[in-house]
Amino acid sequence: MSLAIGLGVALLVAGGLVYLLTEGEVSPQKVDGPKIIAAGRAYTREMVSRKLPIPNSVSVSDLVAHGYLKPSDVAAFQGLDATILLTSDARRPDFVIMRVKMPDGSDLVLLQDGSVREVPSKAP
């Protein structure tokens, strides 16, 4: 439970950083961290219940398209490639749990320890 709360706070921080890194080009948008966490879990539970393999990641846009999230829940990521990694390793605080590709070519990553970093983009 504390990991989920920490993740939610970190996602809110990540949303704020997205806004700051885009230098205010768009109006500030809301990121609903707890809903994103719940959507990722619901998506994973559905894959398990359907006996389908759980993918390593799912895009935020896919979660919206399949009804797990509303566009307003992730408005700050509109036009950006935001991906949630569905597997984690509690022993590795540097494990990336969310990646957002920024317009400048860098990636904004949310780490399992709750910190947010800007890193060079990985090739698609």
N, C-alpha and C. Protein backbone atom coordinates (compact mmCIF):
# COMPACT_ATOMS: atom_id res chain seq x y z
N MET A 1 0.83 -1.19 0.00
CA MET A 1 0.00 0.00 0.00
C MET A 1 0.88 1.26 0.00
N SER A 2 1.95 1.26 0.80
CA SER A 2 2.81 2.44 0.83
C SER A 2 3.51 2.64 -0.51
N LEU A 3 3.81 1.53 -1.20
CA LEU A 3 4.40 1.66 -2.54
C LEU A 3 3.42 2.33 -3.49
N ALA A 4 2.15 1.97 -3.41
CA ALA A 4 1.14 2.57 -4.28
C ALA A 4 0.99 4.05 -3.99
N ILE A 5 0.99 4.42 -2.72
CA ILE A 5 0.88 5.85 -2.36
C ILE A 5 2.11 6.59 -2.86
N GLY A 6 3.28 6.01 -2.65
CA GLY A 6 4.52 6.63 -3.13
C GLY A 6 4.51 6.77 -4.64
N LEU A 7 4.03 5.76 -5.32
CA LEU A 7 3.95 5.81 -6.78
C LEU A 7 2.99 6.91 -7.23
N GLY A 8 1.86 7.01 -6.54
CA GLY A 8 0.89 8.05 -6.88
C GLY A 8 1.47 9.44 -6.73
N VAL A 9 2.16 9.67 -5.64
CA VAL A 9 2.80 10.97 -5.43
C VAL A 9 3.86 11.21 -6.50
N ALA A 10 4.63 10.18 -6.80
CA ALA A 10 5.67 10.33 -7.81
C ALA A 10 5.08 10.62 -9.18
N LEU A 11 3.96 10.02 -9.51
CA LEU A 11 3.31 10.30 -10.80
C LEU A 11 2.81 11.73 -10.86
N LEU A 12 2.33 12.24 -9.74
CA LEU A 12 1.90 13.63 -9.71
C LEU A 12 3.09 14.56 -9.93
N VAL A 13 4.21 14.21 -9.31
CA VAL A 13 5.44 14.99 -9.51
C VAL A 13 5.87 14.90 -10.97
N ALA A 14 5.79 13.70 -11.54
CA ALA A 14 6.18 13.52 -12.94
C ALA A 14 5.31 14.38 -13.85
N GLY A 15 4.03 14.46 -13.56
CA GLY A 15 3.14 15.32 -14.35
C GLY A 15 3.55 16.77 -14.26
N GLY A 16 3.93 17.19 -13.07
CA GLY A 16 4.41 18.57 -12.90
C GLY A 16 5.69 18.81 -13.67
N LEU A 17 6.56 17.82 -13.66
CA LEU A 17 7.81 17.95 -14.40
C LEU A 17 7.57 18.00 -15.90
N VAL A 18 6.60 17.23 -16.37
CA VAL A 18 6.26 17.28 -17.79
C VAL A 18 5.87 18.71 -18.16
N TYR A 19 5.07 19.31 -17.33
CA TYR A 19 4.65 20.69 -17.59
C TYR A 19 5.86 21.63 -17.58
N LEU A 20 6.71 21.50 -16.57
CA LEU A 20 7.87 22.39 -16.47
C LEU A 20 8.84 22.19 -17.62
N LEU A 21 9.04 20.94 -18.03
CA LEU A 21 9.99 20.67 -19.10
C LEU A 21 9.49 21.10 -20.47
N THR A 22 8.18 21.22 -20.61
CA THR A 22 7.67 21.73 -21.87
C THR A 22 7.62 23.25 -21.84
N GLU A 23 8.20 23.83 -20.79
CA GLU A 23 8.35 25.28 -20.63
C GLU A 23 7.05 26.02 -20.75
N GLY A 24 6.00 25.44 -20.22
CA GLY A 24 4.73 26.13 -20.18
C GLY A 24 4.08 26.31 -21.54
N GLU A 25 4.44 25.51 -22.53
CA GLU A 25 3.87 25.64 -23.86
C GLU A 25 2.37 25.38 -23.87
N VAL A 26 1.91 24.59 -22.93
CA VAL A 26 0.48 24.32 -22.81
C VAL A 26 0.06 24.67 -21.39
N SER A 27 -1.23 24.80 -21.20
CA SER A 27 -1.69 25.11 -19.85
C SER A 27 -1.46 23.90 -18.95
N PRO A 28 -1.27 24.14 -17.65
CA PRO A 28 -1.01 23.01 -16.75
C PRO A 28 -2.17 22.02 -16.78
N GLN A 29 -1.84 20.75 -16.78
CA GLN A 29 -2.85 19.70 -16.87
C GLN A 29 -2.72 18.79 -15.66
N LYS A 30 -3.79 18.12 -15.37
CA LYS A 30 -3.86 17.22 -14.23
C LYS A 30 -3.35 15.82 -14.61
N VAL A 31 -2.67 15.19 -13.66
CA VAL A 31 -2.31 13.78 -13.77
C VAL A 31 -2.85 13.13 -12.52
N ASP A 32 -3.71 12.14 -12.68
CA ASP A 32 -4.30 11.47 -11.53
C ASP A 32 -3.52 10.19 -11.26
N GLY A 33 -2.46 10.32 -10.45
CA GLY A 33 -1.58 9.20 -10.15
C GLY A 33 -2.28 7.96 -9.62
N PRO A 34 -3.14 8.10 -8.60
CA PRO A 34 -3.82 6.91 -8.08
C PRO A 34 -4.67 6.20 -9.14
N LYS A 35 -5.31 6.96 -10.03
CA LYS A 35 -6.10 6.31 -11.08
C LYS A 35 -5.21 5.59 -12.08
N ILE A 36 -4.04 6.15 -12.36
CA ILE A 36 -3.11 5.49 -13.28
C ILE A 36 -2.64 4.17 -12.68
N ILE A 37 -2.34 4.19 -11.38
CA ILE A 37 -1.93 2.96 -10.68
C ILE A 37 -3.05 1.93 -10.74
N ALA A 38 -4.27 2.35 -10.43
CA ALA A 38 -5.41 1.44 -10.44
C ALA A 38 -5.65 0.90 -11.84
N ALA A 39 -5.48 1.72 -12.86
CA ALA A 39 -5.68 1.27 -14.24
C ALA A 39 -4.64 0.22 -14.62
N GLY A 40 -3.39 0.43 -14.25
CA GLY A 40 -2.35 -0.55 -14.53
C GLY A 40 -2.63 -1.88 -13.86
N ARG A 41 -3.09 -1.81 -12.61
CA ARG A 41 -3.42 -3.04 -11.89
C ARG A 41 -4.63 -3.74 -12.51
N ALA A 42 -5.65 -2.96 -12.86
CA ALA A 42 -6.85 -3.55 -13.48
C ALA A 42 -6.50 -4.21 -14.81
N TYR A 43 -5.65 -3.55 -15.59
CA TYR A 43 -5.21 -4.11 -16.86
C TYR A 43 -4.49 -5.44 -16.63
N THR A 44 -3.60 -5.45 -15.65
CA THR A 44 -2.85 -6.67 -15.33
C THR A 44 -3.80 -7.78 -14.87
N ARG A 45 -4.75 -7.44 -13.99
CA ARG A 45 -5.72 -8.45 -13.52
C ARG A 45 -6.53 -9.02 -14.68
N GLU A 46 -6.91 -8.17 -15.62
CA GLU A 46 -7.68 -8.66 -16.77
C GLU A 46 -6.84 -9.62 -17.61
N MET A 47 -5.58 -9.30 -17.81
CA MET A 47 -4.71 -10.21 -18.58
C MET A 47 -4.62 -11.56 -17.89
N VAL A 48 -4.47 -11.55 -16.55
CA VAL A 48 -4.38 -12.79 -15.79
C VAL A 48 -5.70 -13.57 -15.89
N SER A 49 -6.83 -12.86 -15.72
CA SER A 49 -8.12 -13.55 -15.75
C SER A 49 -8.42 -14.15 -17.13
N ARG A 50 -7.91 -13.52 -18.17
CA ARG A 50 -8.11 -14.03 -19.53
C ARG A 50 -7.03 -15.03 -19.93
N LYS A 51 -6.13 -15.32 -18.97
CA LYS A 51 -5.02 -16.25 -19.19
C LYS A 51 -4.13 -15.82 -20.35
N LEU A 52 -3.94 -14.50 -20.45
CA LEU A 52 -3.05 -13.94 -21.46
C LEU A 52 -1.74 -13.54 -20.80
N PRO A 53 -0.66 -13.55 -21.55
CA PRO A 53 0.61 -13.13 -20.96
C PRO A 53 0.56 -11.63 -20.61
N ILE A 54 1.15 -11.28 -19.50
CA ILE A 54 1.21 -9.88 -19.10
C ILE A 54 2.38 -9.24 -19.85
N PRO A 55 2.11 -8.21 -20.62
CA PRO A 55 3.20 -7.56 -21.34
C PRO A 55 4.11 -6.81 -20.37
N ASN A 56 5.31 -6.50 -20.82
CA ASN A 56 6.24 -5.75 -19.97
C ASN A 56 5.73 -4.35 -19.70
N SER A 57 4.98 -3.78 -20.65
CA SER A 57 4.51 -2.41 -20.48
C SER A 57 3.20 -2.21 -21.22
N VAL A 58 2.54 -1.10 -20.90
CA VAL A 58 1.32 -0.69 -21.59
C VAL A 58 1.35 0.83 -21.69
N SER A 59 0.93 1.33 -22.83
CA SER A 59 0.92 2.78 -23.00
C SER A 59 -0.29 3.38 -22.29
N VAL A 60 -0.12 4.60 -21.85
CA VAL A 60 -1.22 5.32 -21.22
C VAL A 60 -2.37 5.47 -22.22
N SER A 61 -2.04 5.70 -23.48
CA SER A 61 -3.09 5.84 -24.49
C SER A 61 -3.88 4.54 -24.66
N ASP A 62 -3.23 3.38 -24.51
CA ASP A 62 -3.95 2.11 -24.57
C ASP A 62 -4.90 1.96 -23.38
N LEU A 63 -4.45 2.41 -22.21
CA LEU A 63 -5.32 2.34 -21.03
C LEU A 63 -6.55 3.23 -21.21
N VAL A 64 -6.36 4.36 -21.87
CA VAL A 64 -7.50 5.24 -22.17
C VAL A 64 -8.39 4.59 -23.22
N ALA A 65 -7.80 4.06 -24.28
CA ALA A 65 -8.56 3.45 -25.37
C ALA A 65 -9.41 2.27 -24.90
N HIS A 66 -8.92 1.53 -23.90
CA HIS A 66 -9.65 0.37 -23.40
C HIS A 66 -10.53 0.70 -22.20
N GLY A 67 -10.66 1.97 -21.88
CA GLY A 67 -11.59 2.39 -20.84
C GLY A 67 -11.09 2.31 -19.42
N TYR A 68 -9.82 2.03 -19.21
CA TYR A 68 -9.29 1.99 -17.86
C TYR A 68 -9.07 3.39 -17.28
N LEU A 69 -8.87 4.35 -18.16
CA LEU A 69 -8.67 5.75 -17.77
C LEU A 69 -9.49 6.65 -18.67
N LYS A 70 -9.77 7.84 -18.15
CA LYS A 70 -10.40 8.87 -18.96
C LYS A 70 -9.29 9.81 -19.45
N PRO A 71 -9.47 10.44 -20.59
CA PRO A 71 -8.46 11.39 -21.07
C PRO A 71 -8.11 12.45 -20.04
N SER A 72 -9.08 12.87 -19.25
CA SER A 72 -8.81 13.90 -18.24
C SER A 72 -7.89 13.40 -17.13
N ASP A 73 -7.82 12.09 -16.92
CA ASP A 73 -6.93 11.52 -15.89
C ASP A 73 -5.46 11.68 -16.26
N VAL A 74 -5.19 11.78 -17.55
CA VAL A 74 -3.80 11.83 -18.02
C VAL A 74 -3.59 12.99 -19.00
N ALA A 75 -4.31 14.06 -18.79
CA ALA A 75 -4.27 15.19 -19.71
C ALA A 75 -2.86 15.75 -19.89
N ALA A 76 -2.03 15.70 -18.87
CA ALA A 76 -0.67 16.24 -18.98
C ALA A 76 0.18 15.47 -19.97
N PHE A 77 -0.19 14.25 -20.27
CA PHE A 77 0.58 13.43 -21.20
C PHE A 77 0.05 13.48 -22.62
N GLN A 78 -0.95 14.31 -22.88
CA GLN A 78 -1.54 14.40 -24.21
C GLN A 78 -0.46 14.75 -25.24
N GLY A 79 -0.38 13.95 -26.29
CA GLY A 79 0.59 14.18 -27.34
C GLY A 79 1.96 13.60 -27.04
N LEU A 80 2.14 13.02 -25.86
CA LEU A 80 3.42 12.41 -25.48
C LEU A 80 3.25 10.90 -25.41
N ASP A 81 4.33 10.18 -25.63
CA ASP A 81 4.32 8.72 -25.54
C ASP A 81 4.65 8.35 -24.10
N ALA A 82 3.62 8.08 -23.30
CA ALA A 82 3.80 7.70 -21.90
C ALA A 82 3.51 6.22 -21.75
N THR A 83 4.41 5.50 -21.10
CA THR A 83 4.31 4.05 -20.95
C THR A 83 4.50 3.66 -19.50
N ILE A 84 3.67 2.75 -19.03
CA ILE A 84 3.79 2.21 -17.67
C ILE A 84 4.39 0.82 -17.80
N LEU A 85 5.45 0.56 -17.05
CA LEU A 85 6.04 -0.77 -17.04
C LEU A 85 5.30 -1.59 -16.01
N LEU A 86 4.84 -2.76 -16.39
CA LEU A 86 3.97 -3.57 -15.54
C LEU A 86 4.71 -4.56 -14.67
N THR A 87 5.99 -4.68 -14.86
CA THR A 87 6.78 -5.56 -14.01
C THR A 87 7.72 -4.70 -13.19
N SER A 88 8.01 -5.12 -11.98
CA SER A 88 8.93 -4.36 -11.14
C SER A 88 9.72 -5.32 -10.27
N ASP A 89 10.76 -4.78 -9.68
CA ASP A 89 11.63 -5.54 -8.80
C ASP A 89 11.85 -4.69 -7.55
N ALA A 90 11.18 -5.05 -6.46
CA ALA A 90 11.24 -4.26 -5.23
C ALA A 90 12.66 -4.15 -4.69
N ARG A 91 13.54 -5.03 -5.12
CA ARG A 91 14.93 -4.98 -4.66
C ARG A 91 15.75 -3.93 -5.40
N ARG A 92 15.19 -3.36 -6.48
CA ARG A 92 15.92 -2.39 -7.30
C ARG A 92 15.19 -1.05 -7.28
N PRO A 93 15.61 -0.13 -6.40
CA PRO A 93 14.95 1.16 -6.34
C PRO A 93 15.14 1.98 -7.61
N ASP A 94 16.11 1.62 -8.45
CA ASP A 94 16.35 2.35 -9.70
C ASP A 94 15.56 1.78 -10.87
N PHE A 95 14.65 0.85 -10.60
CA PHE A 95 13.85 0.23 -11.64
C PHE A 95 12.85 1.24 -12.19
N VAL A 96 12.81 1.39 -13.51
CA VAL A 96 11.90 2.35 -14.16
C VAL A 96 10.49 1.78 -14.17
N ILE A 97 9.51 2.56 -13.68
CA ILE A 97 8.13 2.10 -13.70
C ILE A 97 7.26 2.91 -14.65
N MET A 98 7.76 4.06 -15.10
CA MET A 98 7.03 4.83 -16.10
C MET A 98 8.02 5.62 -16.93
N ARG A 99 7.76 5.71 -18.22
CA ARG A 99 8.64 6.43 -19.14
C ARG A 99 7.78 7.33 -20.01
N VAL A 100 8.19 8.60 -20.12
CA VAL A 100 7.49 9.56 -20.97
C VAL A 100 8.51 10.13 -21.95
N LYS A 101 8.26 9.94 -23.23
CA LYS A 101 9.15 10.49 -24.26
C LYS A 101 8.81 11.97 -24.43
N MET A 102 9.82 12.82 -24.24
CA MET A 102 9.64 14.26 -24.31
C MET A 102 9.88 14.77 -25.73
N PRO A 103 9.32 15.92 -26.08
CA PRO A 103 9.50 16.46 -27.43
C PRO A 103 10.96 16.73 -27.82
N ASP A 104 11.82 16.97 -26.83
CA ASP A 104 13.23 17.26 -27.13
C ASP A 104 14.06 16.01 -27.36
N GLY A 105 13.43 14.83 -27.31
CA GLY A 105 14.15 13.59 -27.55
C GLY A 105 14.59 12.88 -26.29
N SER A 106 14.48 13.52 -25.15
CA SER A 106 14.85 12.86 -23.90
C SER A 106 13.66 12.09 -23.35
N ASP A 107 13.91 11.28 -22.36
CA ASP A 107 12.85 10.55 -21.67
C ASP A 107 12.79 11.03 -20.23
N LEU A 108 11.59 11.20 -19.72
CA LEU A 108 11.37 11.47 -18.31
C LEU A 108 10.96 10.15 -17.72
N VAL A 109 11.72 9.65 -16.73
CA VAL A 109 11.42 8.35 -16.15
C VAL A 109 11.09 8.49 -14.67
N LEU A 110 10.13 7.69 -14.26
CA LEU A 110 9.76 7.59 -12.85
C LEU A 110 10.34 6.29 -12.35
N LEU A 111 11.17 6.39 -11.31
CA LEU A 111 11.80 5.20 -10.76
C LEU A 111 10.98 4.64 -9.60
N GLN A 112 11.19 3.38 -9.32
CA GLN A 112 10.43 2.70 -8.26
C GLN A 112 10.62 3.38 -6.91
N ASP A 113 11.73 4.06 -6.69
CA ASP A 113 11.95 4.74 -5.41
C ASP A 113 11.19 6.07 -5.32
N GLY A 114 10.44 6.41 -6.39
CA GLY A 114 9.65 7.63 -6.39
C GLY A 114 10.33 8.83 -7.00
N SER A 115 11.59 8.69 -7.38
CA SER A 115 12.30 9.81 -7.98
C SER A 115 12.02 9.89 -9.48
N VAL A 116 12.19 11.07 -10.03
CA VAL A 116 11.97 11.31 -11.45
C VAL A 116 13.27 11.82 -12.04
N ARG A 117 13.65 11.28 -13.19
CA ARG A 117 14.90 11.69 -13.85
C ARG A 117 14.66 11.90 -15.32
N GLU A 118 15.46 12.79 -15.90
CA GLU A 118 15.46 12.97 -17.33
C GLU A 118 16.68 12.25 -17.86
N VAL A 119 16.47 11.37 -18.85
CA VAL A 119 17.55 10.56 -19.39
C VAL A 119 17.51 10.61 -20.91
N PRO A 120 18.62 10.29 -21.57
CA PRO A 120 18.59 10.20 -23.03
C PRO A 120 17.57 9.16 -23.46
N SER A 121 16.90 9.42 -24.55
CA SER A 121 15.85 8.52 -25.03
C SER A 121 16.45 7.21 -25.55
N LYS A 122 15.73 6.12 -25.29
CA LYS A 122 16.08 4.82 -25.87
C LYS A 122 15.47 4.76 -27.25
N ALA A 123 16.11 4.04 -28.13
CA ALA A 123 15.56 3.86 -29.48
C ALA A 123 14.24 3.13 -29.39
N PRO A 124 13.28 3.44 -30.27
CA PRO A 124 11.95 2.79 -30.22
C PRO A 124 11.99 1.32 -30.46
